[in-house]
Every structure is written in C-alpha cells, then in structure tokens.
Amino acid sequence: MSTSVIKAVSVSKQVTTASSSLTILQDVSLEVEQGEAIALVGVSGAGKSTLMTLLAGLDIPSQGSIELLGKSLAAMDDEARAALRSDSIGFVFQSFLLIPSLSALENVMLPAIIKGEEADEGRARELLEKVGLAGREVHLPAQLSGGEQQRVALARAFMTRPRVLFADEPTGNLDQHTAATIIELLFALNRDHGTTLVLVTHDPQLAQRCDRTLVLESGSLVAA
C-alpha cells in the first residue's frame, strides 16, 4: 500500500503573454512518502518555487496531475483546495509573511483561528518556547530580528499540526549561525510531529539533512 502524500505525474507549467509563451516546468513526475524530508534544489529560475506552489495547491499546472494527501487537486475548486491547506498544510516563506500588527503569540495562533479552532494559547506559547522565543510573546514583528521572525513563522507553521510542511528558502537571508538553528528546529519539529517536509533551498547544509534531494534544471527534474 502506497504511503505517498504527494504524487505528481507529467506536470508542466507554461505562462503565456501577449507575445510569447514561457515554459517554467516541463514533464515533472515525483512522489513523496509520508514522513519524508525532500530538498528541491537548482539554480535561480530552475522552477523550484513554481513546483512547490503547484504541489501545495496554490496554483494549478498547465498539464499533468497532482495528488496531495490522496486527493486530486484538479478535481477540487479553489475553496476546497484552500480548506485542504488550512486543515493539513503548513507553510514557511522566505519573507516570513507575519502580520505586522499582531504579536508573536498572535501570529502563531492565527492559523488555528483561520481554521475555526479555538485559539490554543498554551500550545502557541509552547511552540514559541521550542523555537527559543520564550519571553518574546508580546513583541511585534518589527521588534524582532530576521532570525526571530523566521522562528515565529516556523512555530506558526506547526500550530495546526500539519501533515505536510512546505518551506521556500527557510534559511535564506539568515546568517550562518541563525540558519543552523532554524535547520535544527525544522528537523526537531518534523521528528516530533511526523510531518512531511518539502524544502526549496540553496543551502547545501539543509539539503544534506533531507532524505532525498531533487534537482531541477531549466524546469525539468534531472536527478531524484
């Protein structure tokens, strides 16, 4: 019995303008098993972030099919895909995407509130403590360093116990020491929760920690 949580078959993505058509991804097929940690690597413009957004159901492919947690994304409308993401998917973006007017604690609780759950302040405080931010709960994002904001984003991603976590350059723009701390936190939280990780990264240290590395080159998967 397959335990794959992500399955992509012959996925391509084209973007058409008035004067031309650009192929971003071409005939990409892959499977990710439950609990795996996967690194998507390649030079800038190789299609890594585009592939991640397709696998997460944030966009739809031009050709091919994608299943996420056993469900065909093409068979779902925008509302159903959003509900699936809210229920089972976590995200960490390079730009953090914290709400400036909310405290660290409120930012961490936000996914549970959006999901319609009761805000579990105790769990949010526990997650902030795990990422080394005990005592910083009331601070606004502007009062936190870049590394601290990234830790808030990581705690937020785990608030609703996601089955799959997508992270786009989670150590980008961080100094070496802070990046190493974030890597340790990612894999510690992954280990604690059994969450599948799909990580877009230029960081060789992060890629080496993953179970597999998938290399994209000019929109095609060249190594798996």
Protein backbone atom coordinates (compact mmCIF):
# COMPACT_ATOMS: atom_id res chain seq x y z
CA MET A 1 0.00 0.00 0.00
CA SER A 2 1.40 3.39 -1.02
CA THR A 3 2.06 5.87 1.73
CA SER A 4 2.78 8.75 -0.65
CA VAL A 5 1.36 12.08 0.45
CA ILE A 6 2.31 13.89 -2.77
CA LYS A 7 2.19 12.47 -6.28
CA ALA A 8 2.90 14.49 -9.41
CA VAL A 9 2.59 12.94 -12.88
CA SER A 10 3.92 14.66 -16.03
CA VAL A 11 3.40 18.14 -14.59
CA SER A 12 4.16 21.13 -16.81
CA LYS A 13 3.56 24.84 -16.32
CA GLN A 14 3.51 27.47 -19.04
CA VAL A 15 2.90 31.19 -18.71
CA THR A 16 1.53 32.91 -21.81
CA THR A 17 1.85 36.60 -22.54
CA ALA A 18 0.57 38.59 -25.49
CA SER A 19 3.80 37.99 -27.40
CA SER A 20 5.21 34.69 -26.15
CA SER A 21 4.81 31.52 -24.10
CA LEU A 22 7.31 30.63 -21.38
CA THR A 23 7.69 27.06 -20.11
CA ILE A 24 8.59 27.12 -16.38
CA LEU A 25 8.21 23.38 -15.67
CA GLN A 26 8.32 20.51 -18.16
CA ASP A 27 7.08 16.95 -17.59
CA VAL A 28 7.93 16.66 -13.88
CA SER A 29 6.93 13.45 -12.08
CA LEU A 30 7.66 12.64 -8.44
CA GLU A 31 6.30 11.01 -5.30
CA VAL A 32 6.91 12.00 -1.70
CA GLU A 33 6.29 9.44 1.02
CA GLN A 34 4.75 10.11 4.41
CA GLY A 35 7.32 11.49 6.85
CA GLU A 36 9.99 12.12 4.20
CA ALA A 37 12.10 15.26 4.05
CA ILE A 38 12.70 16.34 0.46
CA ALA A 39 15.00 19.12 -0.77
CA LEU A 40 14.21 20.84 -4.08
CA VAL A 41 17.44 22.38 -5.38
CA GLY A 42 18.63 24.12 -8.54
CA VAL A 43 19.83 27.48 -9.77
CA SER A 44 17.59 30.54 -9.61
CA GLY A 45 14.91 30.30 -12.28
CA ALA A 46 15.00 26.48 -12.42
CA GLY A 47 11.36 26.27 -11.35
CA LYS A 48 11.72 25.22 -7.70
CA SER A 49 9.28 27.69 -6.16
CA THR A 50 6.80 27.18 -9.00
CA LEU A 51 6.87 23.42 -8.41
CA MET A 52 6.32 23.94 -4.69
CA THR A 53 3.30 26.18 -5.27
CA LEU A 54 1.80 23.56 -7.60
CA LEU A 55 2.41 20.68 -5.18
CA ALA A 56 0.78 22.71 -2.40
CA GLY A 57 -2.28 23.52 -4.48
CA LEU A 58 -1.55 27.26 -4.52
CA ASP A 59 -1.60 27.15 -8.34
CA ILE A 60 -2.65 24.61 -10.95
CA PRO A 61 -0.43 23.03 -13.64
CA SER A 62 -0.91 23.60 -17.36
CA GLN A 63 -0.62 19.86 -17.94
CA GLY A 64 -0.35 16.78 -15.75
CA SER A 65 -1.90 15.79 -12.46
CA ILE A 66 -1.09 16.27 -8.78
CA GLU A 67 -2.45 14.39 -5.78
CA LEU A 68 -1.99 15.87 -2.31
CA LEU A 69 -2.85 13.67 0.67
CA GLY A 70 -4.63 11.28 -1.67
CA LYS A 71 -6.83 13.96 -3.24
CA SER A 72 -6.69 15.14 -6.85
CA LEU A 73 -6.09 18.89 -6.80
CA ALA A 74 -7.59 19.26 -10.29
CA ALA A 75 -10.87 17.79 -9.05
CA MET A 76 -11.15 20.47 -6.34
CA ASP A 77 -12.25 24.09 -6.67
CA ASP A 78 -10.36 26.98 -5.09
CA GLU A 79 -12.42 26.79 -1.91
CA ALA A 80 -11.82 23.06 -1.47
CA ARG A 81 -8.08 23.43 -2.06
CA ALA A 82 -7.97 26.27 0.49
CA ALA A 83 -9.78 24.08 3.01
CA LEU A 84 -7.28 21.25 2.44
CA ARG A 85 -4.38 23.64 3.01
CA SER A 86 -5.99 25.04 6.15
CA ASP A 87 -6.60 21.57 7.56
CA SER A 88 -3.37 19.79 6.71
CA ILE A 89 -0.65 22.01 5.22
CA GLY A 90 1.91 24.36 6.78
CA PHE A 91 3.99 27.00 5.03
CA VAL A 92 7.23 28.83 5.80
CA PHE A 93 8.18 31.54 3.33
CA GLN A 94 11.48 33.39 2.96
CA SER A 95 9.66 36.68 3.50
CA PHE A 96 8.07 35.34 6.74
CA LEU A 97 4.63 36.91 5.95
CA LEU A 98 3.94 37.77 9.57
CA ILE A 99 1.07 40.18 10.32
CA PRO A 100 2.81 43.42 11.44
CA SER A 101 0.05 44.46 13.86
CA LEU A 102 -0.05 41.12 15.68
CA SER A 103 2.31 39.99 18.42
CA ALA A 104 4.49 36.91 18.03
CA LEU A 105 1.97 34.91 20.06
CA GLU A 106 -0.98 36.15 17.99
CA ASN A 107 0.83 35.38 14.73
CA VAL A 108 1.43 31.82 15.90
CA MET A 109 -2.23 31.36 16.90
CA LEU A 110 -3.55 32.78 13.62
CA PRO A 111 -3.73 29.52 11.59
CA ALA A 112 -5.89 27.90 14.27
CA ILE A 113 -8.23 30.89 14.29
CA ILE A 114 -8.49 30.83 10.48
CA LYS A 115 -9.19 27.10 10.64
CA GLY A 116 -12.08 27.82 13.01
CA GLU A 117 -10.49 26.21 16.03
CA GLU A 118 -10.37 27.70 19.48
CA ALA A 119 -7.17 29.69 19.88
CA ASP A 120 -4.90 27.44 21.96
CA GLU A 121 -2.67 29.99 23.65
CA GLY A 122 -0.90 27.31 25.68
CA ARG A 123 0.15 25.43 22.54
CA ALA A 124 1.28 28.65 20.88
CA ARG A 125 3.42 29.53 23.91
CA GLU A 126 4.88 26.00 23.91
CA LEU A 127 5.83 26.29 20.23
CA LEU A 128 7.46 29.69 20.78
CA GLU A 129 9.43 28.18 23.65
CA LYS A 130 10.54 25.31 21.37
CA VAL A 131 11.89 27.79 18.84
CA GLY A 132 13.72 29.71 21.55
CA LEU A 133 11.39 32.69 21.86
CA ALA A 134 10.04 32.29 25.39
CA GLY A 135 9.57 35.77 26.80
CA ARG A 136 9.13 37.37 23.37
CA GLU A 137 5.42 36.55 23.03
CA VAL A 138 4.16 40.15 23.12
CA HIS A 139 6.74 41.56 20.71
CA LEU A 140 5.58 42.75 17.29
CA PRO A 141 7.45 41.53 14.17
CA ALA A 142 9.18 44.92 13.82
CA GLN A 143 10.67 44.39 17.30
CA LEU A 144 12.21 41.04 16.30
CA SER A 145 15.32 40.27 14.25
CA GLY A 146 15.07 38.45 10.92
CA GLY A 147 16.05 35.18 12.54
CA GLU A 148 13.49 35.65 15.31
CA GLN A 149 10.77 36.41 12.77
CA GLN A 150 11.69 33.22 10.91
CA ARG A 151 11.32 31.27 14.16
CA VAL A 152 7.87 32.78 14.70
CA ALA A 153 6.95 31.70 11.15
CA LEU A 154 8.18 28.19 11.90
CA ALA A 155 6.16 27.98 15.12
CA ARG A 156 3.11 29.28 13.25
CA ALA A 157 3.51 26.61 10.57
CA PHE A 158 3.28 23.86 13.21
CA MET A 159 0.36 25.41 15.13
CA THR A 160 -2.28 23.22 13.47
CA ARG A 161 -0.09 20.08 13.36
CA PRO A 162 0.23 19.99 9.55
CA ARG A 163 0.72 16.70 7.78
CA VAL A 164 2.92 18.40 5.16
CA LEU A 165 5.15 21.46 5.58
CA PHE A 166 6.30 23.41 2.52
CA ALA A 167 9.22 25.78 3.14
CA ASP A 168 10.61 28.13 0.48
CA GLU A 169 14.23 29.08 1.29
CA PRO A 170 13.65 28.84 5.06
CA THR A 171 17.28 29.81 5.74
CA GLY A 172 17.52 32.47 3.04
CA ASN A 173 18.94 35.84 4.10
CA LEU A 174 19.91 34.49 7.54
CA ASP A 175 23.41 34.46 8.98
CA GLN A 176 25.14 31.10 9.25
CA HIS A 177 24.52 30.62 12.98
CA THR A 178 20.82 31.53 12.76
CA ALA A 179 20.40 29.35 9.65
CA ALA A 180 21.88 26.36 11.51
CA THR A 181 19.47 26.98 14.39
CA ILE A 182 16.48 27.12 12.00
CA ILE A 183 17.60 23.85 10.35
CA GLU A 184 17.78 22.11 13.73
CA LEU A 185 14.32 23.42 14.63
CA LEU A 186 12.83 22.27 11.34
CA PHE A 187 14.01 18.72 11.77
CA ALA A 188 13.26 18.59 15.50
CA LEU A 189 9.70 19.72 14.94
CA ASN A 190 9.42 17.37 11.94
CA ARG A 191 10.61 14.49 14.11
CA ASP A 192 8.22 15.37 16.94
CA HIS A 193 5.17 15.67 14.67
CA GLY A 194 5.98 13.20 11.87
CA THR A 195 5.39 15.97 9.36
CA THR A 196 6.48 15.52 5.75
CA LEU A 197 8.90 18.28 4.69
CA VAL A 198 9.26 19.74 1.18
CA LEU A 199 12.03 22.33 1.24
CA VAL A 200 13.13 24.66 -1.56
CA THR A 201 16.71 25.61 -0.76
CA HIS A 202 20.09 26.82 -1.96
CA ASP A 203 21.58 25.76 1.37
CA PRO A 204 23.73 22.60 0.99
CA GLN A 205 23.69 22.03 4.75
CA LEU A 206 19.88 21.91 4.72
CA ALA A 207 19.73 19.72 1.61
CA GLN A 208 22.16 17.20 3.15
CA ARG A 209 19.86 16.77 6.15
CA CYS A 210 16.97 15.69 3.92
CA ASP A 211 16.18 12.11 2.96
CA ARG A 212 16.32 12.93 -0.75
CA THR A 213 17.41 15.78 -2.99
CA LEU A 214 15.50 16.53 -6.20
CA VAL A 215 17.43 18.67 -8.70
CA LEU A 216 15.58 20.94 -11.12
CA GLU A 217 17.34 22.27 -14.19
CA SER A 218 15.58 24.57 -16.67
CA GLY A 219 12.20 23.34 -15.47
CA SER A 220 12.98 19.62 -15.69
CA LEU A 221 13.77 17.14 -12.96
CA VAL A 222 17.28 15.89 -13.72
CA ALA A 223 18.04 13.93 -10.54
CA ALA A 224 15.98 12.28 -7.83
